[in-house]
Structures are given as C-alpha cells and as structure tokens.
PDB file of N, CA and C in Angstrom:
ATOM      1  N   MET A   1     -42.929 -25.685   5.413  1.00  0.00           N
ATOM      2  CA  MET A   1     -42.316 -24.551   5.681  1.00  0.00           C
ATOM      3  C   MET A   1     -43.581 -23.305   5.735  1.00  0.00           C
ATOM      4  N   THR A   2     -43.760 -22.694   6.557  1.00  0.00           N
ATOM      5  CA  THR A   2     -44.619 -21.757   6.354  1.00  0.00           C
ATOM      6  C   THR A   2     -44.320 -20.722   5.223  1.00  0.00           C
ATOM      7  N   LYS A   3     -45.299 -19.731   4.727  1.00  0.00           N
ATOM      8  CA  LYS A   3     -45.352 -18.700   3.635  1.00  0.00           C
ATOM      9  C   LYS A   3     -43.976 -17.691   4.440  1.00  0.00           C
ATOM     10  N   GLY A   4     -44.294 -17.572   5.409  1.00  0.00           N
ATOM     11  CA  GLY A   4     -43.648 -16.093   6.070  1.00  0.00           C
ATOM     12  C   GLY A   4     -41.984 -16.780   6.226  1.00  0.00           C
ATOM     13  N   ALA A   5     -41.883 -17.916   6.677  1.00  0.00           N
ATOM     14  CA  ALA A   5     -40.540 -18.646   6.973  1.00  0.00           C
ATOM     15  C   ALA A   5     -39.940 -18.617   5.601  1.00  0.00           C
ATOM     16  N   LYS A   6     -40.444 -18.891   4.495  1.00  0.00           N
ATOM     17  CA  LYS A   6     -39.803 -18.884   3.102  1.00  0.00           C
ATOM     18  C   LYS A   6     -39.459 -17.869   2.723  1.00  0.00           C
ATOM     19  N   ASP A   7     -40.239 -16.717   2.805  1.00  0.00           N
ATOM     20  CA  ASP A   7     -40.006 -15.309   2.088  1.00  0.00           C
ATOM     21  C   ASP A   7     -39.359 -14.636   3.183  1.00  0.00           C
ATOM     22  N   ARG A   8     -38.943 -15.205   4.632  1.00  0.00           N
ATOM     23  CA  ARG A   8     -37.751 -14.534   5.190  1.00  0.00           C
ATOM     24  C   ARG A   8     -36.270 -15.593   4.623  1.00  0.00           C
ATOM     25  N   GLN A   9     -36.612 -16.560   4.156  1.00  0.00           N
ATOM     26  CA  GLN A   9     -35.360 -17.513   3.857  1.00  0.00           C
ATOM     27  C   GLN A   9     -34.920 -16.455   2.139  1.00  0.00           C
ATOM     28  N   TYR A  10     -35.939 -15.991   1.444  1.00  0.00           N
ATOM     29  CA  TYR A  10     -35.648 -15.443   0.478  1.00  0.00           C
ATOM     30  C   TYR A  10     -35.244 -14.101   0.590  1.00  0.00           C
ATOM     31  N   ARG A  11     -35.374 -13.446   1.542  1.00  0.00           N
ATOM     32  CA  ARG A  11     -35.038 -11.901   1.716  1.00  0.00           C
ATOM     33  C   ARG A  11     -33.371 -12.098   2.290  1.00  0.00           C
ATOM     34  N   ASP A  12     -33.177 -13.601   3.197  1.00  0.00           N
ATOM     35  CA  ASP A  12     -31.793 -13.759   3.129  1.00  0.00           C
ATOM     36  C   ASP A  12     -30.929 -13.954   2.565  1.00  0.00           C
ATOM     37  N   ALA A  13     -31.192 -14.719   1.443  1.00  0.00           N
ATOM     38  CA  ALA A  13     -30.899 -14.852   0.319  1.00  0.00           C
ATOM     39  C   ALA A  13     -30.247 -13.959  -0.580  1.00  0.00           C
ATOM     40  N   THR A  14     -31.344 -13.042  -0.884  1.00  0.00           N
ATOM     41  CA  THR A  14     -31.385 -11.855  -1.532  1.00  0.00           C
ATOM     42  C   THR A  14     -30.190 -10.957  -0.930  1.00  0.00           C
ATOM     43  N   SER A  15     -30.227 -10.876   0.144  1.00  0.00           N
ATOM     44  CA  SER A  15     -29.054 -10.161   1.126  1.00  0.00           C
ATOM     45  C   SER A  15     -27.697 -10.731   0.827  1.00  0.00           C
ATOM     46  N   VAL A  16     -27.740 -11.633   0.994  1.00  0.00           N
ATOM     47  CA  VAL A  16     -26.134 -12.163   0.559  1.00  0.00           C
ATOM     48  C   VAL A  16     -26.271 -12.005  -0.715  1.00  0.00           C
ATOM     49  N   PHE A  17     -26.857 -12.498  -1.834  1.00  0.00           N
ATOM     50  CA  PHE A  17     -26.419 -12.163  -3.125  1.00  0.00           C
ATOM     51  C   PHE A  17     -26.018 -10.849  -3.381  1.00  0.00           C
ATOM     52  N   GLN A  18     -26.854  -9.817  -3.100  1.00  0.00           N
ATOM     53  CA  GLN A  18     -26.327  -8.478  -3.241  1.00  0.00           C
ATOM     54  C   GLN A  18     -24.967  -8.089  -2.372  1.00  0.00           C
ATOM     55  N   LEU A  19     -24.646  -8.616  -1.292  1.00  0.00           N
ATOM     56  CA  LEU A  19     -23.042  -8.387  -0.672  1.00  0.00           C
ATOM     57  C   LEU A  19     -22.224  -8.958  -1.917  1.00  0.00           C
ATOM     58  N   LEU A  20     -22.507  -9.951  -2.287  1.00  0.00           N
ATOM     59  CA  LEU A  20     -21.685 -10.582  -3.547  1.00  0.00           C
ATOM     60  C   LEU A  20     -21.671  -9.957  -4.582  1.00  0.00           C
ATOM     61  N   SER A  21     -22.407  -9.099  -5.024  1.00  0.00           N
ATOM     62  CA  SER A  21     -22.374  -8.444  -6.455  1.00  0.00           C
ATOM     63  C   SER A  21     -21.674  -7.174  -6.388  1.00  0.00           C
ATOM     64  N   HIS A  22     -21.050  -6.891  -5.409  1.00  0.00           N
ATOM     65  CA  HIS A  22     -20.228  -6.013  -5.322  1.00  0.00           C
ATOM     66  C   HIS A  22     -18.585  -6.551  -5.389  1.00  0.00           C
ATOM     67  N   GLN A  23     -18.036  -5.930  -6.689  1.00  0.00           N
ATOM     68  CA  GLN A  23     -16.736  -6.344  -7.061  1.00  0.00           C
ATOM     69  C   GLN A  23     -15.449  -6.175  -5.838  1.00  0.00           C
ATOM     70  N   GLY A  24     -15.378  -5.167  -5.140  1.00  0.00           N
ATOM     71  CA  GLY A  24     -14.839  -4.642  -4.206  1.00  0.00           C
ATOM     72  C   GLY A  24     -14.925  -5.787  -2.989  1.00  0.00           C
ATOM     73  N   ARG A  25     -16.262  -5.853  -2.556  1.00  0.00           N
ATOM     74  CA  ARG A  25     -16.656  -6.782  -1.334  1.00  0.00           C
ATOM     75  C   ARG A  25     -15.965  -8.329  -1.577  1.00  0.00           C
ATOM     76  N   LEU A  26     -16.562  -8.818  -3.015  1.00  0.00           N
ATOM     77  CA  LEU A  26     -16.212 -10.017  -3.539  1.00  0.00           C
ATOM     78  C   LEU A  26     -14.629 -10.125  -3.479  1.00  0.00           C
ATOM     79  N   GLN A  27     -13.571  -9.383  -3.733  1.00  0.00           N
ATOM     80  CA  GLN A  27     -12.301  -9.570  -3.789  1.00  0.00           C
ATOM     81  C   GLN A  27     -11.777  -9.483  -2.208  1.00  0.00           C
ATOM     82  N   ILE A  28     -12.481  -8.356  -1.376  1.00  0.00           N
ATOM     83  CA  ILE A  28     -12.051  -8.914   0.036  1.00  0.00           C
ATOM     84  C   ILE A  28     -12.397 -10.164   0.618  1.00  0.00           C
ATOM     85  N   LEU A  29     -13.945 -10.708   0.170  1.00  0.00           N
ATOM     86  CA  LEU A  29     -14.286 -12.072   0.918  1.00  0.00           C
ATOM     87  C   LEU A  29     -13.323 -12.965   0.183  1.00  0.00           C
ATOM     88  N   ASP A  30     -12.776 -13.037  -1.197  1.00  0.00           N
ATOM     89  CA  ASP A  30     -11.845 -13.936  -1.620  1.00  0.00           C
ATOM     90  C   ASP A  30     -10.612 -14.122  -1.024  1.00  0.00           C
ATOM     91  N   GLU A  31     -10.267 -12.963  -0.595  1.00  0.00           N
ATOM     92  CA  GLU A  31      -8.855 -12.809   0.159  1.00  0.00           C
ATOM     93  C   GLU A  31      -8.971 -13.272   1.793  1.00  0.00           C
ATOM     94  N   LEU A  32      -9.985 -13.138   2.303  1.00  0.00           N
ATOM     95  CA  LEU A  32     -10.667 -13.643   3.849  1.00  0.00           C
ATOM     96  C   LEU A  32     -10.718 -15.122   3.985  1.00  0.00           C
ATOM     97  N   ARG A  33     -11.195 -15.663   2.844  1.00  0.00           N
ATOM     98  CA  ARG A  33     -11.249 -17.034   2.997  1.00  0.00           C
ATOM     99  C   ARG A  33     -10.137 -17.763   2.846  1.00  0.00           C
ATOM    100  N   LYS A  34      -8.877 -17.035   2.499  1.00  0.00           N
ATOM    101  CA  LYS A  34      -7.745 -17.879   2.356  1.00  0.00           C
ATOM    102  C   LYS A  34      -7.213 -17.635   3.901  1.00  0.00           C
ATOM    103  N   ASP A  35      -7.261 -16.456   4.673  1.00  0.00           N
ATOM    104  CA  ASP A  35      -6.680 -16.250   5.933  1.00  0.00           C
ATOM    105  C   ASP A  35      -7.141 -15.223   6.398  1.00  0.00           C
ATOM    106  N   GLU A  36      -7.279 -14.800   7.751  1.00  0.00           N
ATOM    107  CA  GLU A  36      -7.472 -13.348   8.008  1.00  0.00           C
ATOM    108  C   GLU A  36      -6.528 -12.304   7.659  1.00  0.00           C
ATOM    109  N   ALA A  37      -7.082 -11.035   7.736  1.00  0.00           N
ATOM    110  CA  ALA A  37      -6.257 -10.141   7.022  1.00  0.00           C
ATOM    111  C   ALA A  37      -6.206  -8.833   7.662  1.00  0.00           C
ATOM    112  N   CYS A  38      -5.457  -7.782   7.727  1.00  0.00           N
ATOM    113  CA  CYS A  38      -5.946  -6.549   8.156  1.00  0.00           C
ATOM    114  C   CYS A  38      -6.087  -5.546   7.266  1.00  0.00           C
ATOM    115  N   VAL A  39      -6.329  -4.165   7.637  1.00  0.00           N
ATOM    116  CA  VAL A  39      -7.121  -3.388   6.741  1.00  0.00           C
ATOM    117  C   VAL A  39      -6.125  -3.216   5.413  1.00  0.00           C
ATOM    118  N   CYS A  40      -4.465  -2.931   6.143  1.00  0.00           N
ATOM    119  CA  CYS A  40      -3.788  -2.592   5.136  1.00  0.00           C
ATOM    120  C   CYS A  40      -2.906  -3.333   4.190  1.00  0.00           C
ATOM    121  N   HIS A  41      -3.627  -4.572   4.137  1.00  0.00           N
ATOM    122  CA  HIS A  41      -3.281  -5.964   3.346  1.00  0.00           C
ATOM    123  C   HIS A  41      -4.211  -5.571   2.726  1.00  0.00           C
ATOM    124  N   LEU A  42      -5.290  -5.707   3.076  1.00  0.00           N
ATOM    125  CA  LEU A  42      -6.528  -5.468   2.008  1.00  0.00           C
ATOM    126  C   LEU A  42      -6.655  -4.364   1.072  1.00  0.00           C
ATOM    127  N   GLN A  43      -5.927  -3.067   1.546  1.00  0.00           N
ATOM    128  CA  GLN A  43      -5.594  -2.085   0.826  1.00  0.00           C
ATOM    129  C   GLN A  43      -4.923  -2.422  -0.319  1.00  0.00           C
ATOM    130  N   THR A  44      -3.669  -3.091  -0.054  1.00  0.00           N
ATOM    131  CA  THR A  44      -2.739  -3.289  -0.763  1.00  0.00           C
ATOM    132  C   THR A  44      -3.177  -4.334  -1.945  1.00  0.00           C
ATOM    133  N   ILE A  45      -4.064  -5.182  -1.416  1.00  0.00           N
ATOM    134  CA  ILE A  45      -4.491  -6.370  -2.361  1.00  0.00           C
ATOM    135  C   ILE A  45      -5.534  -5.810  -3.294  1.00  0.00           C
ATOM    136  N   LEU A  46      -6.251  -4.554  -2.966  1.00  0.00           N
ATOM    137  CA  LEU A  46      -7.207  -3.947  -3.752  1.00  0.00           C
ATOM    138  C   LEU A  46      -6.886  -2.780  -4.670  1.00  0.00           C
ATOM    139  N   GLY A  47      -5.991  -2.491  -3.960  1.00  0.00           N
ATOM    140  CA  GLY A  47      -5.415  -1.180  -4.756  1.00  0.00           C
ATOM    141  C   GLY A  47      -6.121   0.244  -4.604  1.00  0.00           C
ATOM    142  N   ARG A  48      -6.826   0.209  -3.152  1.00  0.00           N
ATOM    143  CA  ARG A  48      -7.860   1.182  -2.660  1.00  0.00           C
ATOM    144  C   ARG A  48      -7.466   1.773  -1.716  1.00  0.00           C
ATOM    145  N   PRO A  49      -7.971   3.015  -1.170  1.00  0.00           N
ATOM    146  CA  PRO A  49      -7.542   3.701  -0.057  1.00  0.00           C
ATOM    147  C   PRO A  49      -8.424   2.908   1.262  1.00  0.00           C
ATOM    148  N   GLN A  50      -7.613   3.411   2.283  1.00  0.00           N
ATOM    149  CA  GLN A  50      -8.058   2.935   3.416  1.00  0.00           C
ATOM    150  C   GLN A  50      -9.607   3.088   3.931  1.00  0.00           C
ATOM    151  N   ALA A  51     -10.291   4.401   3.298  1.00  0.00           N
ATOM    152  CA  ALA A  51     -11.519   4.643   3.692  1.00  0.00           C
ATOM    153  C   ALA A  51     -12.408   3.762   2.968  1.00  0.00           C
ATOM    154  N   TYR A  52     -12.044   3.276   1.664  1.00  0.00           N
ATOM    155  CA  TYR A  52     -12.798   2.401   0.866  1.00  0.00           C
ATOM    156  C   TYR A  52     -12.907   0.957   1.420  1.00  0.00           C
ATOM    157  N   VAL A  53     -11.795   0.582   1.870  1.00  0.00           N
ATOM    158  CA  VAL A  53     -12.079  -0.851   2.329  1.00  0.00           C
ATOM    159  C   VAL A  53     -12.680  -0.752   3.752  1.00  0.00           C
ATOM    160  N   SER A  54     -12.738   0.551   4.241  1.00  0.00           N
ATOM    161  CA  SER A  54     -13.273   0.106   5.805  1.00  0.00           C
ATOM    162  C   SER A  54     -14.673   0.562   5.751  1.00  0.00           C
ATOM    163  N   GLN A  55     -15.357   0.911   4.506  1.00  0.00           N
ATOM    164  CA  GLN A  55     -16.362   1.505   4.302  1.00  0.00           C
ATOM    165  C   GLN A  55     -17.166  -0.336   4.018  1.00  0.00           C
ATOM    166  N   GLN A  56     -16.375  -1.140   3.049  1.00  0.00           N
ATOM    167  CA  GLN A  56     -16.809  -2.554   2.447  1.00  0.00           C
ATOM    168  C   GLN A  56     -16.716  -3.448   3.798  1.00  0.00           C
ATOM    169  N   LEU A  57     -15.561  -3.189   4.527  1.00  0.00           N
ATOM    170  CA  LEU A  57     -15.812  -4.156   5.789  1.00  0.00           C
ATOM    171  C   LEU A  57     -16.692  -4.083   6.618  1.00  0.00           C
ATOM    172  N   ARG A  58     -17.178  -2.582   6.679  1.00  0.00           N
ATOM    173  CA  ARG A  58     -18.318  -2.537   7.998  1.00  0.00           C
ATOM    174  C   ARG A  58     -19.427  -2.918   7.162  1.00  0.00           C
ATOM    175  N   VAL A  59     -19.781  -3.065   5.753  1.00  0.00           N
ATOM    176  CA  VAL A  59     -21.009  -3.274   5.182  1.00  0.00           C
ATOM    177  C   VAL A  59     -21.118  -5.143   5.578  1.00  0.00           C
ATOM    178  N   LEU A  60     -20.126  -5.672   5.560  1.00  0.00           N
ATOM    179  CA  LEU A  60     -19.683  -7.028   5.522  1.00  0.00           C
ATOM    180  C   LEU A  60     -19.944  -7.379   7.224  1.00  0.00           C
ATOM    181  N   ARG A  61     -19.334  -6.578   7.916  1.00  0.00           N
ATOM    182  CA  ARG A  61     -19.637  -7.000   9.201  1.00  0.00           C
ATOM    183  C   ARG A  61     -21.120  -6.885  10.065  1.00  0.00           C
ATOM    184  N   GLU A  62     -21.602  -5.642   9.429  1.00  0.00           N
ATOM    185  CA  GLU A  62     -22.746  -5.468   9.956  1.00  0.00           C
ATOM    186  C   GLU A  62     -23.759  -6.569   9.006  1.00  0.00           C
ATOM    187  N   ALA A  63     -23.434  -7.194   8.022  1.00  0.00           N
ATOM    188  CA  ALA A  63     -24.189  -8.616   7.512  1.00  0.00           C
ATOM    189  C   ALA A  63     -23.740  -9.441   7.955  1.00  0.00           C
ATOM    190  N   GLY A  64     -22.831  -9.691   9.143  1.00  0.00           N
ATOM    191  CA  GLY A  64     -22.648 -10.802   9.677  1.00  0.00           C
ATOM    192  C   GLY A  64     -21.609 -11.910   8.851  1.00  0.00           C
ATOM    193  N   VAL A  65     -21.163 -11.043   7.751  1.00  0.00           N
ATOM    194  CA  VAL A  65     -20.445 -12.294   6.900  1.00  0.00           C
ATOM    195  C   VAL A  65     -18.851 -11.838   7.206  1.00  0.00           C
ATOM    196  N   VAL A  66     -18.280 -11.224   7.869  1.00  0.00           N
ATOM    197  CA  VAL A  66     -17.148 -10.884   8.321  1.00  0.00           C
ATOM    198  C   VAL A  66     -17.101 -10.494   9.682  1.00  0.00           C
ATOM    199  N   ALA A  67     -16.096 -11.257  10.757  1.00  0.00           N
ATOM    200  CA  ALA A  67     -15.992 -10.767  11.679  1.00  0.00           C
ATOM    201  C   ALA A  67     -14.551 -10.302  12.041  1.00  0.00           C
ATOM    202  N   ASP A  68     -14.263  -9.354  13.325  1.00  0.00           N
ATOM    203  CA  ASP A  68     -12.603  -9.028  13.558  1.00  0.00           C
ATOM    204  C   ASP A  68     -12.351  -9.478  14.973  1.00  0.00           C
ATOM    205  N   ARG A  69     -11.001  -9.263  15.023  1.00  0.00           N
ATOM    206  CA  ARG A  69     -10.242  -9.528  16.202  1.00  0.00           C
ATOM    207  C   ARG A  69      -9.277  -8.384  16.346  1.00  0.00           C
ATOM    208  N   LYS A  70      -9.129  -7.897  17.702  1.00  0.00           N
ATOM    209  CA  LYS A  70      -7.642  -7.009  17.589  1.00  0.00           C
ATOM    210  C   LYS A  70      -6.742  -7.277  18.525  1.00  0.00           C
ATOM    211  N   ASP A  71      -5.656  -7.063  17.976  1.00  0.00           N
ATOM    212  CA  ASP A  71      -4.355  -7.432  18.355  1.00  0.00           C
ATOM    213  C   ASP A  71      -3.595  -6.258  18.454  1.00  0.00           C
ATOM    214  N   GLY A  72      -3.288  -5.820  19.545  1.00  0.00           N
ATOM    215  CA  GLY A  72      -2.629  -5.195  19.865  1.00  0.00           C
ATOM    216  C   GLY A  72      -3.294  -3.405  19.128  1.00  0.00           C
ATOM    217  N   LEU A  73      -2.748  -2.785  18.093  1.00  0.00           N
ATOM    218  CA  LEU A  73      -3.062  -1.706  17.116  1.00  0.00           C
ATOM    219  C   LEU A  73      -4.007  -2.189  16.089  1.00  0.00           C
ATOM    220  N   MET A  74      -3.513  -3.351  16.024  1.00  0.00           N
ATOM    221  CA  MET A  74      -4.323  -3.946  14.433  1.00  0.00           C
ATOM    222  C   MET A  74      -5.494  -4.551  14.598  1.00  0.00           C
ATOM    223  N   VAL A  75      -6.334  -4.546  13.546  1.00  0.00           N
ATOM    224  CA  VAL A  75      -7.347  -5.397  13.600  1.00  0.00           C
ATOM    225  C   VAL A  75      -7.563  -6.340  12.523  1.00  0.00           C
ATOM    226  N   TYR A  76      -7.985  -7.548  12.831  1.00  0.00           N
ATOM    227  CA  TYR A  76      -7.647  -8.646  11.662  1.00  0.00           C
ATOM    228  C   TYR A  76      -9.403  -8.779  11.188  1.00  0.00           C
ATOM    229  N   TYR A  77      -9.536  -9.149  10.156  1.00  0.00           N
ATOM    230  CA  TYR A  77     -10.755  -9.709   9.817  1.00  0.00           C
ATOM    231  C   TYR A  77     -10.730 -11.016   9.015  1.00  0.00           C
ATOM    232  N   ARG A  78     -12.099 -11.838   9.274  1.00  0.00           N
ATOM    233  CA  ARG A  78     -11.981 -13.305   8.694  1.00  0.00           C
ATOM    234  C   ARG A  78     -13.143 -13.393   8.433  1.00  0.00           C
ATOM    235  N   LEU A  79     -13.608 -14.434   7.424  1.00  0.00           N
ATOM    236  CA  LEU A  79     -14.589 -14.745   6.875  1.00  0.00           C
ATOM    237  C   LEU A  79     -15.389 -15.399   7.883  1.00  0.00           C
ATOM    238  N   ALA A  80     -16.488 -15.271   8.308  1.00  0.00           N
ATOM    239  CA  ALA A  80     -17.365 -15.908   9.401  1.00  0.00           C
ATOM    240  C   ALA A  80     -18.796 -16.328   8.847  1.00  0.00           C
ATOM    241  N   ASP A  81     -18.878 -16.557   7.777  1.00  0.00           N
ATOM    242  CA  ASP A  81     -20.332 -17.253   7.423  1.00  0.00           C
ATOM    243  C   ASP A  81     -19.700 -18.208   6.430  1.00  0.00           C
ATOM    244  N   ASP A  82     -20.251 -19.545   6.712  1.00  0.00           N
ATOM    245  CA  ASP A  82     -20.048 -20.574   5.799  1.00  0.00           C
ATOM    246  C   ASP A  82     -21.091 -20.755   4.563  1.00  0.00           C
ATOM    247  N   ARG A  83     -21.882 -20.042   4.958  1.00  0.00           N
ATOM    248  CA  ARG A  83     -22.720 -20.095   3.410  1.00  0.00           C
ATOM    249  C   ARG A  83     -22.030 -19.281   2.263  1.00  0.00           C
ATOM    250  N   VAL A  84     -21.844 -18.068   2.768  1.00  0.00           N
ATOM    251  CA  VAL A  84     -20.719 -17.254   1.832  1.00  0.00           C
ATOM    252  C   VAL A  84     -19.517 -18.241   1.332  1.00  0.00           C
ATOM    253  N   ALA A  85     -18.726 -18.809   2.226  1.00  0.00           N
ATOM    254  CA  ALA A  85     -17.512 -19.268   1.864  1.00  0.00           C
ATOM    255  C   ALA A  85     -18.012 -20.628   1.066  1.00  0.00           C
ATOM    256  N   LEU A  86     -19.229 -21.434   0.962  1.00  0.00           N
ATOM    257  CA  LEU A  86     -19.634 -22.000   0.080  1.00  0.00           C
ATOM    258  C   LEU A  86     -19.797 -21.755  -1.455  1.00  0.00           C
ATOM    259  N   LEU A  87     -20.465 -20.691  -1.354  1.00  0.00           N
ATOM    260  CA  LEU A  87     -20.653 -19.890  -2.829  1.00  0.00           C
ATOM    261  C   LEU A  87     -19.398 -19.157  -3.478  1.00  0.00           C
ATOM    262  N   LEU A  88     -18.671 -18.959  -2.395  1.00  0.00           N
ATOM    263  CA  LEU A  88     -17.563 -18.529  -3.064  1.00  0.00           C
ATOM    264  C   LEU A  88     -16.440 -19.360  -3.695  1.00  0.00           C
ATOM    265  N   GLU A  89     -16.780 -20.698  -3.014  1.00  0.00           N
ATOM    266  CA  GLU A  89     -16.012 -21.619  -3.380  1.00  0.00           C
ATOM    267  C   GLU A  89     -16.521 -22.340  -4.923  1.00  0.00           C
ATOM    268  N   GLU A  90     -17.695 -22.098  -4.826  1.00  0.00           N
ATOM    269  CA  GLU A  90     -18.569 -22.743  -6.021  1.00  0.00           C
ATOM    270  C   GLU A  90     -18.397 -21.657  -7.183  1.00  0.00           C
ATOM    271  N   ALA A  91     -18.322 -20.386  -6.898  1.00  0.00           N
ATOM    272  CA  ALA A  91     -18.142 -19.527  -7.826  1.00  0.00           C
ATOM    273  C   ALA A  91     -16.760 -19.186  -8.276  1.00  0.00           C
ATOM    274  N   LEU A  92     -15.947 -19.422  -7.251  1.00  0.00           N
ATOM    275  CA  LEU A  92     -14.695 -18.617  -7.928  1.00  0.00           C
ATOM    276  C   LEU A  92     -13.398 -20.012  -7.469  1.00  0.00           C
ATOM    277  N   GLY A  93     -13.809 -21.334  -7.270  1.00  0.00           N
ATOM    278  CA  GLY A  93     -13.161 -22.553  -7.169  1.00  0.00           C
ATOM    279  C   GLY A  93     -12.188 -22.350  -5.818  1.00  0.00           C
ATOM    280  N   PRO A  94     -11.371 -23.487  -5.419  1.00  0.00           N
ATOM    281  CA  PRO A  94     -10.922 -23.488  -4.351  1.00  0.00           C
ATOM    282  C   PRO A  94     -10.273 -22.298  -3.979  1.00  0.00           C
ATOM    283  N   ALA A  95      -9.747 -21.842  -2.800  1.00  0.00           N
ATOM    284  CA  ALA A  95      -8.998 -20.660  -2.438  1.00  0.00           C
ATOM    285  C   ALA A  95      -7.558 -21.005  -2.472  1.00  0.00           C
ATOM    286  N   SER A  96      -6.815 -20.360  -2.954  1.00  0.00           N
ATOM    287  CA  SER A  96      -5.327 -20.086  -3.147  1.00  0.00           C
ATOM    288  C   SER A  96      -4.643 -20.277  -1.852  1.00  0.00           C
ATOM    289  N   GLU A  97      -3.479 -20.198  -1.565  1.00  0.00           N
ATOM    290  CA  GLU A  97      -2.771 -19.823  -0.429  1.00  0.00           C
ATOM    291  C   GLU A  97      -2.629 -18.335  -0.372  1.00  0.00           C
ATOM    292  N   ARG A  98      -2.646 -18.061   1.006  1.00  0.00           N
ATOM    293  CA  ARG A  98      -2.142 -16.711   0.979  1.00  0.00           C
ATOM    294  C   ARG A  98      -0.876 -16.341   0.789  1.00  0.00           C
ATOM    295  N   GLU A  99      -0.621 -15.189  -0.240  1.00  0.00           N
ATOM    296  CA  GLU A  99       0.870 -14.655  -0.150  1.00  0.00           C
ATOM    297  C   GLU A  99       0.959 -13.385   0.391  1.00  0.00           C
ATOM    298  N   CYS A 100       2.193 -12.760   0.506  1.00  0.00           N
ATOM    299  CA  CYS A 100       2.521 -11.897   1.139  1.00  0.00           C
ATOM    300  C   CYS A 100       2.876 -10.850  -0.019  1.00  0.00           C
ATOM    301  N   VAL A 101       2.397  -9.843  -0.231  1.00  0.00           N
ATOM    302  CA  VAL A 101       2.236  -8.611  -1.368  1.00  0.00           C
ATOM    303  C   VAL A 101       3.283  -7.802  -1.618  1.00  0.00           C
ATOM    304  N   ALA A 102       3.947  -7.760  -2.465  1.00  0.00           N
ATOM    305  CA  ALA A 102       5.280  -6.416  -2.520  1.00  0.00           C
ATOM    306  C   ALA A 102       4.303  -5.223  -2.082  1.00  0.00           C
ATOM    307  N   GLY A 103       5.070  -4.519  -1.288  1.00  0.00           N
ATOM    308  CA  GLY A 103       4.683  -2.976  -0.731  1.00  0.00           C
ATOM    309  C   GLY A 103       3.804  -3.186   0.369  1.00  0.00           C
ATOM    310  N   CYS A 104       3.303  -4.201   0.787  1.00  0.00           N
ATOM    311  CA  CYS A 104       2.171  -4.154   2.097  1.00  0.00           C
ATOM    312  C   CYS A 104       3.070  -4.214   3.308  1.00  0.00           C
ATOM    313  N   PRO A 105       2.521  -3.226   4.007  1.00  0.00           N
ATOM    314  CA  PRO A 105       2.983  -2.980   5.204  1.00  0.00           C
ATOM    315  C   PRO A 105       2.509  -3.660   6.397  1.00  0.00           C
ATOM    316  N   CYS A 106       1.714  -4.446   6.227  1.00  0.00           N
ATOM    317  CA  CYS A 106       1.250  -5.561   7.424  1.00  0.00           C
ATOM    318  C   CYS A 106       2.371  -6.384   8.157  1.00  0.00           C
ATOM    319  N   PRO A 107       2.339  -6.357   9.238  1.00  0.00           N
ATOM    320  CA  PRO A 107       3.139  -7.259   9.984  1.00  0.00           C
ATOM    321  C   PRO A 107       3.453  -8.621   9.390  1.00  0.00           C
ATOM    322  N   ARG A 108       2.462  -9.286   8.695  1.00  0.00           N
ATOM    323  CA  ARG A 108       2.366 -10.630   8.077  1.00  0.00           C
ATOM    324  C   ARG A 108       3.550 -10.621   6.832  1.00  0.00           C
ATOM    325  N   CYS A 109       3.436  -9.491   5.919  1.00  0.00           N
ATOM    326  CA  CYS A 109       4.123  -9.385   4.779  1.00  0.00           C
ATOM    327  C   CYS A 109       5.235  -8.610   4.926  1.00  0.00           C
ATOM    328  N   SER A 110       5.610  -8.057   5.784  1.00  0.00           N
ATOM    329  CA  SER A 110       6.918  -7.364   6.405  1.00  0.00           C
ATOM    330  C   SER A 110       8.057  -8.179   6.944  1.00  0.00           C
ATOM    331  N   THR A 111       7.401  -9.416   7.429  1.00  0.00           N
ATOM    332  CA  THR A 111       8.461 -10.226   8.068  1.00  0.00           C
ATOM    333  C   THR A 111       9.342 -10.968   7.099  1.00  0.00           C
TER     334      THR A 111
END
C-alpha cells in the first residue's frame, strides 16, 4: 500500500472514530442498528429536541453512516455503514430488540 493510500485510510478511520465519540450520535447509531427509526422515535429515546436529533442525523448522513427513506410524511433512518455496525457490536455488544417507547408518537410505537 502506498503512503498516500495509507494516509487516506488513517483519515477515514479518524473520521469514523470522531463520529462515534459523540454520545448523542452513538445513542442514535445504537438505536438504528436495531431497526430503522424516525426522528420522533429517536427524540423520545434520547430525550432531546427535534432540532438536536436532526442535526446529529445530518452529520451522520453527510458522513455516509446513515441513510434515509421517505414514507409519506415520515422519514426513516437506518444504519448504512457495515464498518460502524461492526465497531458498535464490538464496543456495545449485540444489538437488543427494538422496543416501543412509552410516549413515543411514531407510527410503530403508537399502534
């Protein structure tokens, strides 16, 4: 591997670790490795306002770690980076089952 390629590899790894070093983003990624989720579900899980959750999702989306899909008025996010999934598995252990959260207004929890 050339020095330039190795340097690029180190920069990419540094970016991933910086993303994971933020507690809010780590919580979001932990929830998304269970199943896709909408912003209102993530708000309820984190106990944070919509603007905060949306800002963290934007950072994760721009880094290519999460992807989204629209279903009517709802936008669902999912983990889109296998490397991050492996790191989360190693750091946090196996993902638990997704649970509905009391007070969550999302369509999946309110049914």
